[in-house]
């Protein structure tokens, strides 16, 4: 894989890892529903401006595909991770996000994009064992609210995993910017009812506003588009490499800026989840990644 693509994937991992930090800052202020709507609204505006500047047409003939990807990769995960951010540290959420690759394996196998092997099943066992370590041995006391937050993160990660093969197929017949902009536009109406219901309880502060601005413009809008662009030039395994780096940055940012503890359960559980991801995807950082066939620019 070319150095520039690897550098871009590392930068994306740092951004996505930081999003869990920003969620912890903004979710208690806005509430999960309002935060998700603001985040998607800012991403939509950013991508719509880019569509206009680059003079790309909206590809509404594929609206069903875009709506499905939007629901699975934006609407549900944004709300679930925002709610979990009220209960558990950013590092927890970032580590649990890695379970997306487990669900992605099953979804890809069902759609004929992958096969299930003994190595991958072992990876699933390691992944769920890692979740158990984080929940039971982490620095946060296990309560019903914490358990529900962990479940919310796992469900959100499952949504990401299930959306992966659908997104892979979409990149083959739509431009990355068309996909990114279209799915965010279609995710908006899904979030409006919950945001309207929760708006009276929402508050506003400058740190929360700055956090949601970064999430909407950078970690959601621009980062999603950038990832889809990279996906057209590298193999799917290489494109999945942020899954391995996001938890590193998520735990790091949470520890540095929020003072989150790094308990033994988090370290052991996080290592098991990363091992699970590597077993399932066959990811090997020492192996060269061949360039994928370009589906168009």
C-alpha atoms as a PDB file:
ATOM      1  CA  UNK A   1       0.000   0.000   0.000  1.00  0.00           C
ATOM      2  CA  UNK A   2       1.279   3.464  -0.848  1.00  0.00           C
ATOM      3  CA  UNK A   3       2.650   5.494   2.032  1.00  0.00           C
ATOM      4  CA  UNK A   4       0.164   8.302   1.461  1.00  0.00           C
ATOM      5  CA  UNK A   5      -2.811   5.975   1.922  1.00  0.00           C
ATOM      6  CA  UNK A   6      -1.328   4.502   5.091  1.00  0.00           C
ATOM      7  CA  UNK A   7      -0.718   8.008   6.460  1.00  0.00           C
ATOM      8  CA  UNK A   8      -4.301   8.976   5.620  1.00  0.00           C
ATOM      9  CA  UNK A   9      -5.632   5.898   7.436  1.00  0.00           C
ATOM     10  CA  UNK A  10      -3.574   6.733  10.529  1.00  0.00           C
ATOM     11  CA  UNK A  11      -4.942  10.297  10.456  1.00  0.00           C
ATOM     12  CA  UNK A  12      -8.490   8.958  10.139  1.00  0.00           C
ATOM     13  CA  UNK A  13      -7.903   6.644  13.093  1.00  0.00           C
ATOM     14  CA  UNK A  14      -6.758   9.582  15.219  1.00  0.00           C
ATOM     15  CA  UNK A  15      -9.884  11.548  14.226  1.00  0.00           C
ATOM     16  CA  UNK A  16     -12.282   8.682  14.876  1.00  0.00           C
ATOM     17  CA  UNK A  17     -10.559   7.897  18.155  1.00  0.00           C
ATOM     18  CA  UNK A  18     -11.006  11.534  19.179  1.00  0.00           C
ATOM     19  CA  UNK A  19     -14.720  11.358  18.374  1.00  0.00           C
ATOM     20  CA  UNK A  20     -15.273   9.246  21.509  1.00  0.00           C
ATOM     21  CA  UNK A  21     -13.589  11.983  23.551  1.00  0.00           C
ATOM     22  CA  UNK A  22     -15.853  14.621  21.990  1.00  0.00           C
ATOM     23  CA  UNK A  23     -18.912  12.449  22.652  1.00  0.00           C
ATOM     24  CA  UNK A  24     -18.034  12.368  26.339  1.00  0.00           C
ATOM     25  CA  UNK A  25     -17.834  16.169  26.309  1.00  0.00           C
ATOM     26  CA  UNK A  26     -20.972  16.926  24.297  1.00  0.00           C
ATOM     27  CA  UNK A  27     -23.446  14.152  25.117  1.00  0.00           C
ATOM     28  CA  UNK A  28     -24.105  15.199  28.746  1.00  0.00           C
ATOM     29  CA  UNK A  29     -24.819  18.749  27.520  1.00  0.00           C
ATOM     30  CA  UNK A  30     -26.976  18.177  24.447  1.00  0.00           C
ATOM     31  CA  UNK A  31     -28.262  14.700  25.187  1.00  0.00           C
ATOM     32  CA  UNK A  32     -27.704  11.756  22.798  1.00  0.00           C
ATOM     33  CA  UNK A  33     -30.539  12.516  20.380  1.00  0.00           C
ATOM     34  CA  UNK A  34     -29.813  16.210  19.909  1.00  0.00           C
ATOM     35  CA  UNK A  35     -26.086  15.538  19.669  1.00  0.00           C
ATOM     36  CA  UNK A  36     -26.599  12.963  16.930  1.00  0.00           C
ATOM     37  CA  UNK A  37     -28.838  15.334  14.951  1.00  0.00           C
ATOM     38  CA  UNK A  38     -26.394  18.246  15.253  1.00  0.00           C
ATOM     39  CA  UNK A  39     -23.504  16.024  14.241  1.00  0.00           C
ATOM     40  CA  UNK A  40     -25.269  14.673  11.168  1.00  0.00           C
ATOM     41  CA  UNK A  41     -26.607  18.125  10.228  1.00  0.00           C
ATOM     42  CA  UNK A  42     -23.122  19.632  10.213  1.00  0.00           C
ATOM     43  CA  UNK A  43     -21.774  16.676   8.241  1.00  0.00           C
ATOM     44  CA  UNK A  44     -24.611  17.036   5.731  1.00  0.00           C
ATOM     45  CA  UNK A  45     -23.957  20.749   5.206  1.00  0.00           C
ATOM     46  CA  UNK A  46     -20.226  20.122   4.807  1.00  0.00           C
ATOM     47  CA  UNK A  47     -20.725  17.366   2.245  1.00  0.00           C
ATOM     48  CA  UNK A  48     -23.470  19.247   0.393  1.00  0.00           C
ATOM     49  CA  UNK A  49     -21.130  22.220  -0.052  1.00  0.00           C
ATOM     50  CA  UNK A  50     -18.483  19.871  -1.418  1.00  0.00           C
ATOM     51  CA  UNK A  51     -21.025  18.348  -3.808  1.00  0.00           C
ATOM     52  CA  UNK A  52     -21.818  21.832  -5.111  1.00  0.00           C
ATOM     53  CA  UNK A  53     -18.185  22.930  -5.379  1.00  0.00           C
ATOM     54  CA  UNK A  54     -17.164  19.723  -7.160  1.00  0.00           C
ATOM     55  CA  UNK A  55     -20.326  19.781  -9.296  1.00  0.00           C
ATOM     56  CA  UNK A  56     -21.265  16.184  -8.548  1.00  0.00           C
ATOM     57  CA  UNK A  57     -24.869  15.071  -9.092  1.00  0.00           C
ATOM     58  CA  UNK A  58     -26.910  13.498  -6.308  1.00  0.00           C
ATOM     59  CA  UNK A  59     -27.350   9.795  -7.006  1.00  0.00           C
ATOM     60  CA  UNK A  60     -30.906   9.398  -5.750  1.00  0.00           C
ATOM     61  CA  UNK A  61     -31.669   6.339  -7.889  1.00  0.00           C
ATOM     62  CA  UNK A  62     -29.785   4.383  -5.205  1.00  0.00           C
ATOM     63  CA  UNK A  63     -31.642   6.006  -2.310  1.00  0.00           C
ATOM     64  CA  UNK A  64     -32.617   2.690  -0.749  1.00  0.00           C
ATOM     65  CA  UNK A  65     -28.986   1.597  -0.517  1.00  0.00           C
ATOM     66  CA  UNK A  66     -27.943   5.007   0.801  1.00  0.00           C
ATOM     67  CA  UNK A  67     -30.741   5.005   3.384  1.00  0.00           C
ATOM     68  CA  UNK A  68     -29.728   1.532   4.569  1.00  0.00           C
ATOM     69  CA  UNK A  69     -26.084   2.534   4.915  1.00  0.00           C
ATOM     70  CA  UNK A  70     -27.154   5.779   6.609  1.00  0.00           C
ATOM     71  CA  UNK A  71     -29.273   3.962   9.178  1.00  0.00           C
ATOM     72  CA  UNK A  72     -26.582   1.367   9.939  1.00  0.00           C
ATOM     73  CA  UNK A  73     -23.447   3.518   9.836  1.00  0.00           C
ATOM     74  CA  UNK A  74     -24.776   6.886  11.052  1.00  0.00           C
ATOM     75  CA  UNK A  75     -28.227   7.020  12.664  1.00  0.00           C
ATOM     76  CA  UNK A  76     -28.134   4.067  15.053  1.00  0.00           C
ATOM     77  CA  UNK A  77     -24.411   4.137  15.980  1.00  0.00           C
ATOM     78  CA  UNK A  78     -24.358   7.887  16.618  1.00  0.00           C
ATOM     79  CA  UNK A  79     -27.302   7.717  19.018  1.00  0.00           C
ATOM     80  CA  UNK A  80     -26.107   4.551  20.746  1.00  0.00           C
ATOM     81  CA  UNK A  81     -22.520   5.711  21.237  1.00  0.00           C
ATOM     82  CA  UNK A  82     -23.749   9.112  22.426  1.00  0.00           C
ATOM     83  CA  UNK A  83     -25.992   7.451  25.011  1.00  0.00           C
ATOM     84  CA  UNK A  84     -23.178   5.110  26.086  1.00  0.00           C
ATOM     85  CA  UNK A  85     -20.955   8.171  26.515  1.00  0.00           C
ATOM     86  CA  UNK A  86     -23.151   9.212  29.427  1.00  0.00           C
ATOM     87  CA  UNK A  87     -22.272   6.023  31.299  1.00  0.00           C
ATOM     88  CA  UNK A  88     -18.789   4.769  30.372  1.00  0.00           C
ATOM     89  CA  UNK A  89     -15.354   6.245  29.543  1.00  0.00           C
ATOM     90  CA  UNK A  90     -14.366   7.152  25.990  1.00  0.00           C
ATOM     91  CA  UNK A  91     -11.714   4.428  26.034  1.00  0.00           C
ATOM     92  CA  UNK A  92     -14.358   1.772  26.732  1.00  0.00           C
ATOM     93  CA  UNK A  93     -16.420   2.873  23.749  1.00  0.00           C
ATOM     94  CA  UNK A  94     -13.386   3.007  21.465  1.00  0.00           C
ATOM     95  CA  UNK A  95     -12.310  -0.505  22.418  1.00  0.00           C
ATOM     96  CA  UNK A  96     -15.806  -1.934  22.093  1.00  0.00           C
ATOM     97  CA  UNK A  97     -16.057  -0.308  18.659  1.00  0.00           C
ATOM     98  CA  UNK A  98     -13.500  -2.871  17.474  1.00  0.00           C
ATOM     99  CA  UNK A  99     -16.124  -5.623  17.729  1.00  0.00           C
ATOM    100  CA  UNK A 100     -17.515  -4.199  14.472  1.00  0.00           C
ATOM    101  CA  UNK A 101     -15.137  -6.439  12.560  1.00  0.00           C
ATOM    102  CA  UNK A 102     -16.745  -9.534  14.109  1.00  0.00           C
ATOM    103  CA  UNK A 103     -20.180  -8.575  12.862  1.00  0.00           C
ATOM    104  CA  UNK A 104     -18.687  -7.454   9.559  1.00  0.00           C
ATOM    105  CA  UNK A 105     -17.320 -10.960   9.055  1.00  0.00           C
ATOM    106  CA  UNK A 106     -20.749 -12.567   9.441  1.00  0.00           C
ATOM    107  CA  UNK A 107     -22.419  -9.944   7.251  1.00  0.00           C
ATOM    108  CA  UNK A 108     -19.777 -10.349   4.537  1.00  0.00           C
ATOM    109  CA  UNK A 109     -20.099 -14.127   4.646  1.00  0.00           C
ATOM    110  CA  UNK A 110     -23.874 -13.896   4.302  1.00  0.00           C
ATOM    111  CA  UNK A 111     -23.527 -11.644   1.263  1.00  0.00           C
ATOM    112  CA  UNK A 112     -20.912 -13.891  -0.333  1.00  0.00           C
ATOM    113  CA  UNK A 113     -18.065 -11.440   0.271  1.00  0.00           C
ATOM    114  CA  UNK A 114     -16.201 -13.653   2.756  1.00  0.00           C
ATOM    115  CA  UNK A 115     -16.050 -17.142   4.243  1.00  0.00           C
ATOM    116  CA  UNK A 116     -16.177 -18.252   7.876  1.00  0.00           C
ATOM    117  CA  UNK A 117     -13.118 -20.271   8.984  1.00  0.00           C
ATOM    118  CA  UNK A 118     -11.885 -21.791  12.247  1.00  0.00           C
ATOM    119  CA  UNK A 119      -9.426 -18.916  12.656  1.00  0.00           C
ATOM    120  CA  UNK A 120     -12.237 -16.392  12.336  1.00  0.00           C
ATOM    121  CA  UNK A 121     -14.465 -18.239  14.791  1.00  0.00           C
ATOM    122  CA  UNK A 122     -11.563 -18.220  17.250  1.00  0.00           C
ATOM    123  CA  UNK A 123     -11.360 -14.499  16.647  1.00  0.00           C
ATOM    124  CA  UNK A 124     -15.014 -14.127  17.612  1.00  0.00           C
ATOM    125  CA  UNK A 125     -14.372 -16.006  20.864  1.00  0.00           C
ATOM    126  CA  UNK A 126     -11.435 -13.706  21.647  1.00  0.00           C
ATOM    127  CA  UNK A 127     -13.525 -10.647  20.828  1.00  0.00           C
ATOM    128  CA  UNK A 128     -16.382 -11.444  23.154  1.00  0.00           C
ATOM    129  CA  UNK A 129     -13.916 -12.554  25.836  1.00  0.00           C
ATOM    130  CA  UNK A 130     -12.337  -9.128  25.514  1.00  0.00           C
ATOM    131  CA  UNK A 131     -15.685  -7.456  26.035  1.00  0.00           C
ATOM    132  CA  UNK A 132     -16.198  -9.576  29.158  1.00  0.00           C
ATOM    133  CA  UNK A 133     -12.799  -8.526  30.550  1.00  0.00           C
ATOM    134  CA  UNK A 134     -13.520  -4.841  29.967  1.00  0.00           C
ATOM    135  CA  UNK A 135     -16.921  -5.044  31.628  1.00  0.00           C
ATOM    136  CA  UNK A 136     -15.923  -7.158  34.608  1.00  0.00           C
ATOM    137  CA  UNK A 137     -12.345  -6.035  35.337  1.00  0.00           C
ATOM    138  CA  UNK A 138     -12.228  -2.451  34.096  1.00  0.00           C
ATOM    139  CA  UNK A 139     -11.788   0.555  36.423  1.00  0.00           C
ATOM    140  CA  UNK A 140     -15.487   1.434  36.169  1.00  0.00           C
ATOM    141  CA  UNK A 141     -17.766  -0.402  38.596  1.00  0.00           C
ATOM    142  CA  UNK A 142     -20.180  -2.716  36.831  1.00  0.00           C
ATOM    143  CA  UNK A 143     -23.744  -1.484  37.275  1.00  0.00           C
ATOM    144  CA  UNK A 144     -26.894  -2.121  35.230  1.00  0.00           C
ATOM    145  CA  UNK A 145     -26.359   1.264  33.507  1.00  0.00           C
ATOM    146  CA  UNK A 146     -22.771   0.382  32.610  1.00  0.00           C
ATOM    147  CA  UNK A 147     -23.837  -3.024  31.311  1.00  0.00           C
ATOM    148  CA  UNK A 148     -26.503  -1.384  29.132  1.00  0.00           C
ATOM    149  CA  UNK A 149     -23.945   1.121  27.845  1.00  0.00           C
ATOM    150  CA  UNK A 150     -21.606  -1.700  26.888  1.00  0.00           C
ATOM    151  CA  UNK A 151     -24.493  -3.442  25.124  1.00  0.00           C
ATOM    152  CA  UNK A 152     -25.285  -0.189  23.298  1.00  0.00           C
ATOM    153  CA  UNK A 153     -21.670   0.019  22.074  1.00  0.00           C
ATOM    154  CA  UNK A 154     -21.748  -3.579  20.876  1.00  0.00           C
ATOM    155  CA  UNK A 155     -25.042  -3.028  19.029  1.00  0.00           C
ATOM    156  CA  UNK A 156     -23.639   0.156  17.452  1.00  0.00           C
ATOM    157  CA  UNK A 157     -20.539  -1.761  16.390  1.00  0.00           C
ATOM    158  CA  UNK A 158     -22.756  -4.491  14.941  1.00  0.00           C
ATOM    159  CA  UNK A 159     -24.471  -1.834  12.824  1.00  0.00           C
ATOM    160  CA  UNK A 160     -21.082  -0.714  11.520  1.00  0.00           C
ATOM    161  CA  UNK A 161     -20.161  -4.304  10.746  1.00  0.00           C
ATOM    162  CA  UNK A 162     -23.411  -5.057   8.937  1.00  0.00           C
ATOM    163  CA  UNK A 163     -23.025  -1.901   6.837  1.00  0.00           C
ATOM    164  CA  UNK A 164     -19.489  -2.786   5.678  1.00  0.00           C
ATOM    165  CA  UNK A 165     -20.313  -5.193   2.801  1.00  0.00           C
ATOM    166  CA  UNK A 166     -23.175  -2.962   1.635  1.00  0.00           C
ATOM    167  CA  UNK A 167     -20.829   0.031   1.541  1.00  0.00           C
ATOM    168  CA  UNK A 168     -18.199  -2.016  -0.270  1.00  0.00           C
ATOM    169  CA  UNK A 169     -20.681  -2.830  -3.005  1.00  0.00           C
ATOM    170  CA  UNK A 170     -21.913   0.773  -3.205  1.00  0.00           C
ATOM    171  CA  UNK A 171     -18.401   2.108  -3.811  1.00  0.00           C
ATOM    172  CA  UNK A 172     -18.332   0.033  -6.979  1.00  0.00           C
ATOM    173  CA  UNK A 173     -21.110   1.995  -8.686  1.00  0.00           C
ATOM    174  CA  UNK A 174     -21.225   5.382  -6.923  1.00  0.00           C
ATOM    175  CA  UNK A 175     -18.715   8.127  -6.273  1.00  0.00           C
ATOM    176  CA  UNK A 176     -17.444   8.301  -2.663  1.00  0.00           C
ATOM    177  CA  UNK A 177     -18.730  11.848  -2.199  1.00  0.00           C
ATOM    178  CA  UNK A 178     -22.155  10.864  -3.533  1.00  0.00           C
ATOM    179  CA  UNK A 179     -22.333   8.029  -1.012  1.00  0.00           C
ATOM    180  CA  UNK A 180     -21.136  10.110   1.931  1.00  0.00           C
ATOM    181  CA  UNK A 181     -23.431  13.048   1.191  1.00  0.00           C
ATOM    182  CA  UNK A 182     -26.456  10.960   0.287  1.00  0.00           C
ATOM    183  CA  UNK A 183     -26.411   8.715   3.333  1.00  0.00           C
ATOM    184  CA  UNK A 184     -26.063  11.706   5.693  1.00  0.00           C
ATOM    185  CA  UNK A 185     -28.979  13.504   4.041  1.00  0.00           C
ATOM    186  CA  UNK A 186     -31.169  10.418   4.387  1.00  0.00           C
ATOM    187  CA  UNK A 187     -30.056   9.870   7.988  1.00  0.00           C
ATOM    188  CA  UNK A 188     -31.326  13.312   9.025  1.00  0.00           C
ATOM    189  CA  UNK A 189     -35.094  12.584   9.009  1.00  0.00           C
ATOM    190  CA  UNK A 190     -34.464   9.430  11.036  1.00  0.00           C
ATOM    191  CA  UNK A 191     -32.944  11.527  13.828  1.00  0.00           C
ATOM    192  CA  UNK A 192     -35.385  14.450  13.895  1.00  0.00           C
ATOM    193  CA  UNK A 193     -38.198  12.834  15.983  1.00  0.00           C
ATOM    194  CA  UNK A 194     -35.884  11.839  18.818  1.00  0.00           C
ATOM    195  CA  UNK A 195     -34.117  15.208  18.783  1.00  0.00           C
ATOM    196  CA  UNK A 196     -37.401  17.140  18.901  1.00  0.00           C
ATOM    197  CA  UNK A 197     -38.566  15.025  21.839  1.00  0.00           C
ATOM    198  CA  UNK A 198     -35.288  15.578  23.728  1.00  0.00           C
ATOM    199  CA  UNK A 199     -34.731  19.248  22.846  1.00  0.00           C
ATOM    200  CA  UNK A 200     -36.346  20.709  26.015  1.00  0.00           C
ATOM    201  CA  UNK A 201     -33.768  18.862  28.149  1.00  0.00           C
ATOM    202  CA  UNK A 202     -30.787  19.965  26.043  1.00  0.00           C
ATOM    203  CA  UNK A 203     -28.312  22.601  27.215  1.00  0.00           C
ATOM    204  CA  UNK A 204     -25.649  24.521  25.320  1.00  0.00           C
ATOM    205  CA  UNK A 205     -22.057  25.345  26.199  1.00  0.00           C
ATOM    206  CA  UNK A 206     -19.056  26.514  24.203  1.00  0.00           C
ATOM    207  CA  UNK A 207     -16.956  23.351  24.759  1.00  0.00           C
ATOM    208  CA  UNK A 208     -19.888  21.152  23.700  1.00  0.00           C
ATOM    209  CA  UNK A 209     -20.545  23.296  20.621  1.00  0.00           C
ATOM    210  CA  UNK A 210     -16.892  23.123  19.605  1.00  0.00           C
ATOM    211  CA  UNK A 211     -16.876  19.363  20.155  1.00  0.00           C
ATOM    212  CA  UNK A 212     -19.936  18.776  17.995  1.00  0.00           C
ATOM    213  CA  UNK A 213     -18.546  21.071  15.285  1.00  0.00           C
ATOM    214  CA  UNK A 214     -15.380  18.995  15.065  1.00  0.00           C
ATOM    215  CA  UNK A 215     -17.407  15.782  15.045  1.00  0.00           C
ATOM    216  CA  UNK A 216     -19.829  17.000  12.391  1.00  0.00           C
ATOM    217  CA  UNK A 217     -17.381  18.607   9.983  1.00  0.00           C
ATOM    218  CA  UNK A 218     -14.254  16.512  10.499  1.00  0.00           C
ATOM    219  CA  UNK A 219     -14.889  13.105  12.075  1.00  0.00           C
ATOM    220  CA  UNK A 220     -18.238  12.548  10.328  1.00  0.00           C
ATOM    221  CA  UNK A 221     -18.367  14.508   7.075  1.00  0.00           C
ATOM    222  CA  UNK A 222     -14.805  14.840   5.790  1.00  0.00           C
ATOM    223  CA  UNK A 223     -13.500  11.650   7.406  1.00  0.00           C
ATOM    224  CA  UNK A 224     -16.316   9.495   6.001  1.00  0.00           C
ATOM    225  CA  UNK A 225     -15.694  10.856   2.502  1.00  0.00           C
ATOM    226  CA  UNK A 226     -11.921  10.382   2.862  1.00  0.00           C
ATOM    227  CA  UNK A 227     -12.353   6.780   3.970  1.00  0.00           C
ATOM    228  CA  UNK A 228     -14.547   5.965   0.991  1.00  0.00           C
ATOM    229  CA  UNK A 229     -11.974   7.565  -1.332  1.00  0.00           C
ATOM    230  CA  UNK A 230      -9.219   5.415   0.162  1.00  0.00           C
ATOM    231  CA  UNK A 231     -11.410   2.314  -0.172  1.00  0.00           C
ATOM    232  CA  UNK A 232     -11.297   2.745  -3.959  1.00  0.00           C
ATOM    233  CA  UNK A 233      -7.492   2.514  -4.040  1.00  0.00           C
ATOM    234  CA  UNK A 234      -6.546  -0.135  -1.478  1.00  0.00           C
ATOM    235  CA  UNK A 235      -7.688  -3.632  -0.593  1.00  0.00           C
ATOM    236  CA  UNK A 236     -10.608  -4.049   1.829  1.00  0.00           C
ATOM    237  CA  UNK A 237      -8.232  -5.453   4.476  1.00  0.00           C
ATOM    238  CA  UNK A 238      -6.064  -2.348   4.267  1.00  0.00           C
ATOM    239  CA  UNK A 239      -9.122  -0.115   4.423  1.00  0.00           C
ATOM    240  CA  UNK A 240     -10.150  -1.850   7.667  1.00  0.00           C
ATOM    241  CA  UNK A 241      -6.867  -0.967   9.372  1.00  0.00           C
ATOM    242  CA  UNK A 242      -8.402   1.991  11.289  1.00  0.00           C
ATOM    243  CA  UNK A 243     -10.303  -0.622  13.307  1.00  0.00           C
ATOM    244  CA  UNK A 244      -6.975  -1.565  14.885  1.00  0.00           C
ATOM    245  CA  UNK A 245      -5.770   1.992  15.483  1.00  0.00           C
ATOM    246  CA  UNK A 246      -8.970   3.743  16.622  1.00  0.00           C
ATOM    247  CA  UNK A 247      -8.943   2.081  20.082  1.00  0.00           C
ATOM    248  CA  UNK A 248      -5.325   3.130  20.584  1.00  0.00           C
ATOM    249  CA  UNK A 249      -6.170   6.765  19.946  1.00  0.00           C
ATOM    250  CA  UNK A 250      -9.501   6.539  21.775  1.00  0.00           C
ATOM    251  CA  UNK A 251      -7.889   5.230  24.949  1.00  0.00           C
ATOM    252  CA  UNK A 252      -4.969   7.672  24.590  1.00  0.00           C
ATOM    253  CA  UNK A 253      -7.154  10.777  24.146  1.00  0.00           C
ATOM    254  CA  UNK A 254      -9.461   9.710  26.986  1.00  0.00           C
ATOM    255  CA  UNK A 255      -6.507   9.178  29.309  1.00  0.00           C
ATOM    256  CA  UNK A 256      -4.724  12.423  28.364  1.00  0.00           C
ATOM    257  CA  UNK A 257      -7.650  14.842  28.228  1.00  0.00           C
ATOM    258  CA  UNK A 258     -10.286  13.289  30.517  1.00  0.00           C
ATOM    259  CA  UNK A 259      -8.016  11.538  32.991  1.00  0.00           C
ATOM    260  CA  UNK A 260      -9.622   8.141  32.359  1.00  0.00           C
ATOM    261  CA  UNK A 261      -7.989   5.254  34.202  1.00  0.00           C
ATOM    262  CA  UNK A 262      -6.233   2.442  32.380  1.00  0.00           C
ATOM    263  CA  UNK A 263      -7.158  -0.604  34.443  1.00  0.00           C
ATOM    264  CA  UNK A 264      -5.876  -4.118  33.825  1.00  0.00           C
ATOM    265  CA  UNK A 265      -9.247  -5.240  32.481  1.00  0.00           C
ATOM    266  CA  UNK A 266      -9.181  -2.520  29.815  1.00  0.00           C
ATOM    267  CA  UNK A 267      -5.671  -3.448  28.706  1.00  0.00           C
ATOM    268  CA  UNK A 268      -6.310  -7.212  28.649  1.00  0.00           C
ATOM    269  CA  UNK A 269      -9.772  -6.882  27.134  1.00  0.00           C
ATOM    270  CA  UNK A 270      -8.590  -4.366  24.550  1.00  0.00           C
ATOM    271  CA  UNK A 271      -5.709  -6.655  23.553  1.00  0.00           C
ATOM    272  CA  UNK A 272      -8.123  -9.563  23.093  1.00  0.00           C
ATOM    273  CA  UNK A 273     -10.442  -7.455  20.944  1.00  0.00           C
ATOM    274  CA  UNK A 274      -7.551  -6.320  18.738  1.00  0.00           C
ATOM    275  CA  UNK A 275      -6.345  -9.932  18.479  1.00  0.00           C
ATOM    276  CA  UNK A 276      -9.881 -10.950  17.481  1.00  0.00           C
ATOM    277  CA  UNK A 277      -9.938  -8.315  14.757  1.00  0.00           C
ATOM    278  CA  UNK A 278      -6.578  -9.496  13.435  1.00  0.00           C
ATOM    279  CA  UNK A 279      -7.673 -13.152  13.399  1.00  0.00           C
ATOM    280  CA  UNK A 280     -10.913 -12.370  11.600  1.00  0.00           C
ATOM    281  CA  UNK A 281      -9.465 -10.072   8.943  1.00  0.00           C
ATOM    282  CA  UNK A 282      -6.061 -11.723   8.559  1.00  0.00           C
ATOM    283  CA  UNK A 283      -4.511  -8.320   9.177  1.00  0.00           C
ATOM    284  CA  UNK A 284      -0.705  -8.418   9.384  1.00  0.00           C
ATOM    285  CA  UNK A 285       1.144  -5.074   9.624  1.00  0.00           C
ATOM    286  CA  UNK A 286       4.378  -6.747   8.460  1.00  0.00           C
ATOM    287  CA  UNK A 287       2.824  -7.982   5.226  1.00  0.00           C
ATOM    288  CA  UNK A 288       2.630  -5.726   2.213  1.00  0.00           C
ATOM    289  CA  UNK A 289      -0.862  -4.806   1.080  1.00  0.00           C
ATOM    290  CA  UNK A 290      -1.379  -5.044  -2.675  1.00  0.00           C
ATOM    291  CA  UNK A 291      -3.153  -2.264  -4.429  1.00  0.00           C
ATOM    292  CA  UNK A 292      -6.776  -3.059  -5.203  1.00  0.00           C
ATOM    293  CA  UNK A 293      -8.295  -2.676  -8.622  1.00  0.00           C
ATOM    294  CA  UNK A 294      -9.512   0.887  -8.996  1.00  0.00           C
ATOM    295  CA  UNK A 295     -13.255   1.053  -9.435  1.00  0.00           C
ATOM    296  CA  UNK A 296     -13.130   4.546 -10.818  1.00  0.00           C
ATOM    297  CA  UNK A 297     -12.161   7.986  -9.643  1.00  0.00           C
END
